[in-house]
């Protein structure tokens, strides 16, 4: 999904993104959105006008009411943001897990073995180091993957 300058400006406002998220459920009127988001009707109307201009939302007139609903473009925006959020969350969890494994190695008490008078079994502690390095690497690869998909593939569409 390629976003132009005008569309990016429209999405830089948190209230507009919240309106888009709210319209994911169903079409709504200005009054419904106003109550739901705790914004004045005029403010919601102004935001909706920008979203209609950029093609994320469309205005549908009923006999009595004017409804606003997401366009295909608005739905694609929500889907694209959702997968990024999931992937980045997984990446952060793996990085934190990797750092935890390395910290376990750094701060683990040194057990004393009375029988052999050695502090640790050679190589046993490197399991935490290797596991930590692998987890951090996987997290970084996931972040790079998300960045690659969101930056480079968006240009080609």
C-alpha atoms as a PDB file:
ATOM      1  CA  UNK A   1       0.000   0.000   0.000  1.00  0.00           C
ATOM      2  CA  UNK A   2       1.722   3.130  -1.200  1.00  0.00           C
ATOM      3  CA  UNK A   3       0.932   6.239   0.800  1.00  0.00           C
ATOM      4  CA  UNK A   4       1.340   9.674  -0.668  1.00  0.00           C
ATOM      5  CA  UNK A   5       2.293  12.802   1.250  1.00  0.00           C
ATOM      6  CA  UNK A   6      -1.338  13.924   1.646  1.00  0.00           C
ATOM      7  CA  UNK A   7      -2.369  10.482   2.927  1.00  0.00           C
ATOM      8  CA  UNK A   8       0.527  10.344   5.371  1.00  0.00           C
ATOM      9  CA  UNK A   9      -0.439  13.741   6.750  1.00  0.00           C
ATOM     10  CA  UNK A  10      -3.985  12.496   7.250  1.00  0.00           C
ATOM     11  CA  UNK A  11      -2.724   9.449   9.169  1.00  0.00           C
ATOM     12  CA  UNK A  12      -0.334  11.397  11.390  1.00  0.00           C
ATOM     13  CA  UNK A  13      -3.266  12.496  13.518  1.00  0.00           C
ATOM     14  CA  UNK A  14      -4.093   9.997  16.266  1.00  0.00           C
ATOM     15  CA  UNK A  15      -7.777  10.917  16.194  1.00  0.00           C
ATOM     16  CA  UNK A  16      -8.047  10.021  12.499  1.00  0.00           C
ATOM     17  CA  UNK A  17      -6.386   6.665  13.076  1.00  0.00           C
ATOM     18  CA  UNK A  18      -8.823   6.045  15.959  1.00  0.00           C
ATOM     19  CA  UNK A  19     -11.720   6.906  13.638  1.00  0.00           C
ATOM     20  CA  UNK A  20     -10.434   4.402  11.084  1.00  0.00           C
ATOM     21  CA  UNK A  21     -10.109   1.738  13.775  1.00  0.00           C
ATOM     22  CA  UNK A  22     -13.615   2.488  15.027  1.00  0.00           C
ATOM     23  CA  UNK A  23     -15.078   2.193  11.530  1.00  0.00           C
ATOM     24  CA  UNK A  24     -13.559  -1.261  11.187  1.00  0.00           C
ATOM     25  CA  UNK A  25     -16.435  -2.640  13.260  1.00  0.00           C
ATOM     26  CA  UNK A  26     -19.246  -1.104  11.200  1.00  0.00           C
ATOM     27  CA  UNK A  27     -20.366   2.108   9.524  1.00  0.00           C
ATOM     28  CA  UNK A  28     -21.177   4.973  11.884  1.00  0.00           C
ATOM     29  CA  UNK A  29     -22.568   8.487  11.996  1.00  0.00           C
ATOM     30  CA  UNK A  30     -20.709  11.578  13.163  1.00  0.00           C
ATOM     31  CA  UNK A  31     -22.718  11.540  16.404  1.00  0.00           C
ATOM     32  CA  UNK A  32     -21.760   7.923  17.151  1.00  0.00           C
ATOM     33  CA  UNK A  33     -18.089   8.600  16.507  1.00  0.00           C
ATOM     34  CA  UNK A  34     -18.263  11.771  18.576  1.00  0.00           C
ATOM     35  CA  UNK A  35     -19.635   9.900  21.597  1.00  0.00           C
ATOM     36  CA  UNK A  36     -17.280   6.964  21.185  1.00  0.00           C
ATOM     37  CA  UNK A  37     -14.109   9.048  20.850  1.00  0.00           C
ATOM     38  CA  UNK A  38     -15.071  11.888  23.225  1.00  0.00           C
ATOM     39  CA  UNK A  39     -14.630  14.526  20.533  1.00  0.00           C
ATOM     40  CA  UNK A  40     -16.964  17.273  19.439  1.00  0.00           C
ATOM     41  CA  UNK A  41     -19.106  16.622  16.366  1.00  0.00           C
ATOM     42  CA  UNK A  42     -17.401  19.425  14.471  1.00  0.00           C
ATOM     43  CA  UNK A  43     -13.955  17.965  15.208  1.00  0.00           C
ATOM     44  CA  UNK A  44     -15.064  14.485  14.097  1.00  0.00           C
ATOM     45  CA  UNK A  45     -16.616  15.968  10.958  1.00  0.00           C
ATOM     46  CA  UNK A  46     -13.371  17.789  10.144  1.00  0.00           C
ATOM     47  CA  UNK A  47     -11.347  14.579  10.580  1.00  0.00           C
ATOM     48  CA  UNK A  48     -13.823  12.614   8.479  1.00  0.00           C
ATOM     49  CA  UNK A  49     -13.609  15.205   5.712  1.00  0.00           C
ATOM     50  CA  UNK A  50      -9.826  14.664   5.555  1.00  0.00           C
ATOM     51  CA  UNK A  51     -10.276  10.893   5.550  1.00  0.00           C
ATOM     52  CA  UNK A  52     -12.855  11.111   2.752  1.00  0.00           C
ATOM     53  CA  UNK A  53     -10.522  13.362   0.714  1.00  0.00           C
ATOM     54  CA  UNK A  54      -7.682  10.865   1.051  1.00  0.00           C
ATOM     55  CA  UNK A  55      -9.896   7.880   0.210  1.00  0.00           C
ATOM     56  CA  UNK A  56      -9.725   5.968   3.503  1.00  0.00           C
ATOM     57  CA  UNK A  57     -13.391   6.594   4.342  1.00  0.00           C
ATOM     58  CA  UNK A  58     -16.481   7.134   2.234  1.00  0.00           C
ATOM     59  CA  UNK A  59     -19.697   8.975   2.983  1.00  0.00           C
ATOM     60  CA  UNK A  60     -22.968   7.056   2.468  1.00  0.00           C
ATOM     61  CA  UNK A  61     -26.238   8.947   2.609  1.00  0.00           C
ATOM     62  CA  UNK A  62     -29.291   7.089   3.863  1.00  0.00           C
ATOM     63  CA  UNK A  63     -32.778   8.611   3.737  1.00  0.00           C
ATOM     64  CA  UNK A  64     -32.368  10.097   7.176  1.00  0.00           C
ATOM     65  CA  UNK A  65     -28.688   9.728   8.166  1.00  0.00           C
ATOM     66  CA  UNK A  66     -25.207  10.176   6.769  1.00  0.00           C
ATOM     67  CA  UNK A  67     -22.968   7.208   7.513  1.00  0.00           C
ATOM     68  CA  UNK A  68     -19.222   6.891   7.179  1.00  0.00           C
ATOM     69  CA  UNK A  69     -17.546   3.593   6.382  1.00  0.00           C
ATOM     70  CA  UNK A  70     -14.117   2.320   5.463  1.00  0.00           C
ATOM     71  CA  UNK A  71     -13.141   1.982   1.837  1.00  0.00           C
ATOM     72  CA  UNK A  72     -11.003  -0.879   0.562  1.00  0.00           C
ATOM     73  CA  UNK A  73      -8.016   1.418   0.986  1.00  0.00           C
ATOM     74  CA  UNK A  74      -8.909   2.017   4.652  1.00  0.00           C
ATOM     75  CA  UNK A  75      -9.282  -1.712   5.263  1.00  0.00           C
ATOM     76  CA  UNK A  76      -5.915  -2.407   3.596  1.00  0.00           C
ATOM     77  CA  UNK A  77      -4.342   0.202   5.872  1.00  0.00           C
ATOM     78  CA  UNK A  78      -5.716  -1.540   8.970  1.00  0.00           C
ATOM     79  CA  UNK A  79      -4.571  -4.963   7.790  1.00  0.00           C
ATOM     80  CA  UNK A  80      -1.078  -3.739   6.948  1.00  0.00           C
ATOM     81  CA  UNK A  81      -0.663  -2.118  10.351  1.00  0.00           C
ATOM     82  CA  UNK A  82      -1.926  -5.209  12.172  1.00  0.00           C
ATOM     83  CA  UNK A  83       0.648  -7.634  10.776  1.00  0.00           C
ATOM     84  CA  UNK A  84       3.445  -5.160  11.493  1.00  0.00           C
ATOM     85  CA  UNK A  85       2.324  -4.884  15.106  1.00  0.00           C
ATOM     86  CA  UNK A  86       2.247  -8.657  15.542  1.00  0.00           C
ATOM     87  CA  UNK A  87       5.661  -9.197  13.957  1.00  0.00           C
ATOM     88  CA  UNK A  88       7.285  -6.383  15.941  1.00  0.00           C
ATOM     89  CA  UNK A  89       5.769  -7.728  19.169  1.00  0.00           C
ATOM     90  CA  UNK A  90       7.200 -11.173  18.475  1.00  0.00           C
ATOM     91  CA  UNK A  91      10.566  -9.612  17.657  1.00  0.00           C
ATOM     92  CA  UNK A  92      10.632  -7.686  20.922  1.00  0.00           C
ATOM     93  CA  UNK A  93       9.733 -10.777  22.950  1.00  0.00           C
ATOM     94  CA  UNK A  94      12.514 -12.802  21.334  1.00  0.00           C
ATOM     95  CA  UNK A  95      15.067 -10.031  21.901  1.00  0.00           C
ATOM     96  CA  UNK A  96      14.053  -9.687  25.552  1.00  0.00           C
ATOM     97  CA  UNK A  97      14.249 -13.475  25.910  1.00  0.00           C
ATOM     98  CA  UNK A  98      17.722 -13.481  24.392  1.00  0.00           C
ATOM     99  CA  UNK A  99      18.941 -10.729  26.688  1.00  0.00           C
ATOM    100  CA  UNK A 100      17.430 -12.650  29.637  1.00  0.00           C
ATOM    101  CA  UNK A 101      19.385 -15.773  28.686  1.00  0.00           C
ATOM    102  CA  UNK A 102      22.649 -13.822  28.513  1.00  0.00           C
ATOM    103  CA  UNK A 103      21.920 -12.103  31.836  1.00  0.00           C
ATOM    104  CA  UNK A 104      21.235 -15.478  33.439  1.00  0.00           C
ATOM    105  CA  UNK A 105      24.769 -16.463  32.467  1.00  0.00           C
ATOM    106  CA  UNK A 106      26.274 -13.215  33.697  1.00  0.00           C
ATOM    107  CA  UNK A 107      24.560 -13.184  37.090  1.00  0.00           C
ATOM    108  CA  UNK A 108      24.194 -16.896  37.849  1.00  0.00           C
ATOM    109  CA  UNK A 109      25.806 -18.020  41.099  1.00  0.00           C
ATOM    110  CA  UNK A 110      28.816 -20.225  40.656  1.00  0.00           C
ATOM    111  CA  UNK A 111      28.028 -23.670  42.063  1.00  0.00           C
ATOM    112  CA  UNK A 112      30.746 -25.417  44.009  1.00  0.00           C
ATOM    113  CA  UNK A 113      31.288 -29.063  43.299  1.00  0.00           C
ATOM    114  CA  UNK A 114      32.832 -30.688  46.362  1.00  0.00           C
ATOM    115  CA  UNK A 115      33.782 -33.971  44.722  1.00  0.00           C
ATOM    116  CA  UNK A 116      35.870 -32.623  41.877  1.00  0.00           C
ATOM    117  CA  UNK A 117      36.781 -29.193  43.228  1.00  0.00           C
ATOM    118  CA  UNK A 118      35.738 -27.445  40.018  1.00  0.00           C
ATOM    119  CA  UNK A 119      33.446 -24.475  39.792  1.00  0.00           C
ATOM    120  CA  UNK A 120      31.513 -25.352  36.634  1.00  0.00           C
ATOM    121  CA  UNK A 121      31.293 -27.983  33.989  1.00  0.00           C
ATOM    122  CA  UNK A 122      33.221 -26.683  30.982  1.00  0.00           C
ATOM    123  CA  UNK A 123      30.865 -25.501  28.242  1.00  0.00           C
ATOM    124  CA  UNK A 124      27.623 -25.924  30.206  1.00  0.00           C
ATOM    125  CA  UNK A 125      27.098 -22.192  30.684  1.00  0.00           C
ATOM    126  CA  UNK A 126      27.542 -21.467  27.008  1.00  0.00           C
ATOM    127  CA  UNK A 127      24.094 -22.909  26.390  1.00  0.00           C
ATOM    128  CA  UNK A 128      22.616 -19.679  27.807  1.00  0.00           C
ATOM    129  CA  UNK A 129      24.969 -17.578  25.717  1.00  0.00           C
ATOM    130  CA  UNK A 130      24.137 -19.453  22.515  1.00  0.00           C
ATOM    131  CA  UNK A 131      20.399 -19.443  23.250  1.00  0.00           C
ATOM    132  CA  UNK A 132      20.519 -15.719  23.990  1.00  0.00           C
ATOM    133  CA  UNK A 133      22.459 -14.970  20.813  1.00  0.00           C
ATOM    134  CA  UNK A 134      20.020 -17.011  18.720  1.00  0.00           C
ATOM    135  CA  UNK A 135      16.965 -15.307  20.233  1.00  0.00           C
ATOM    136  CA  UNK A 136      18.420 -11.821  19.762  1.00  0.00           C
ATOM    137  CA  UNK A 137      19.372 -12.701  16.177  1.00  0.00           C
ATOM    138  CA  UNK A 138      15.871 -13.981  15.406  1.00  0.00           C
ATOM    139  CA  UNK A 139      14.375 -10.793  16.861  1.00  0.00           C
ATOM    140  CA  UNK A 140      16.638  -8.584  14.755  1.00  0.00           C
ATOM    141  CA  UNK A 141      15.860 -10.629  11.633  1.00  0.00           C
ATOM    142  CA  UNK A 142      12.123 -10.203  12.285  1.00  0.00           C
ATOM    143  CA  UNK A 143      12.508  -6.440  12.666  1.00  0.00           C
ATOM    144  CA  UNK A 144      14.526  -6.243   9.447  1.00  0.00           C
ATOM    145  CA  UNK A 145      11.916  -8.374   7.691  1.00  0.00           C
ATOM    146  CA  UNK A 146       9.106  -6.040   8.767  1.00  0.00           C
ATOM    147  CA  UNK A 147      11.094  -2.996   7.694  1.00  0.00           C
ATOM    148  CA  UNK A 148      11.953  -4.564   4.347  1.00  0.00           C
ATOM    149  CA  UNK A 149       8.356  -5.581   3.660  1.00  0.00           C
ATOM    150  CA  UNK A 150       6.894  -2.258   4.769  1.00  0.00           C
ATOM    151  CA  UNK A 151       9.395   0.009   3.011  1.00  0.00           C
ATOM    152  CA  UNK A 152      10.499  -1.757  -0.143  1.00  0.00           C
ATOM    153  CA  UNK A 153       7.349  -3.651  -1.086  1.00  0.00           C
ATOM    154  CA  UNK A 154       5.187  -0.598  -0.470  1.00  0.00           C
ATOM    155  CA  UNK A 155       7.140   1.258  -3.162  1.00  0.00           C
ATOM    156  CA  UNK A 156       6.537  -1.445  -5.746  1.00  0.00           C
ATOM    157  CA  UNK A 157       2.749  -1.505  -5.383  1.00  0.00           C
END
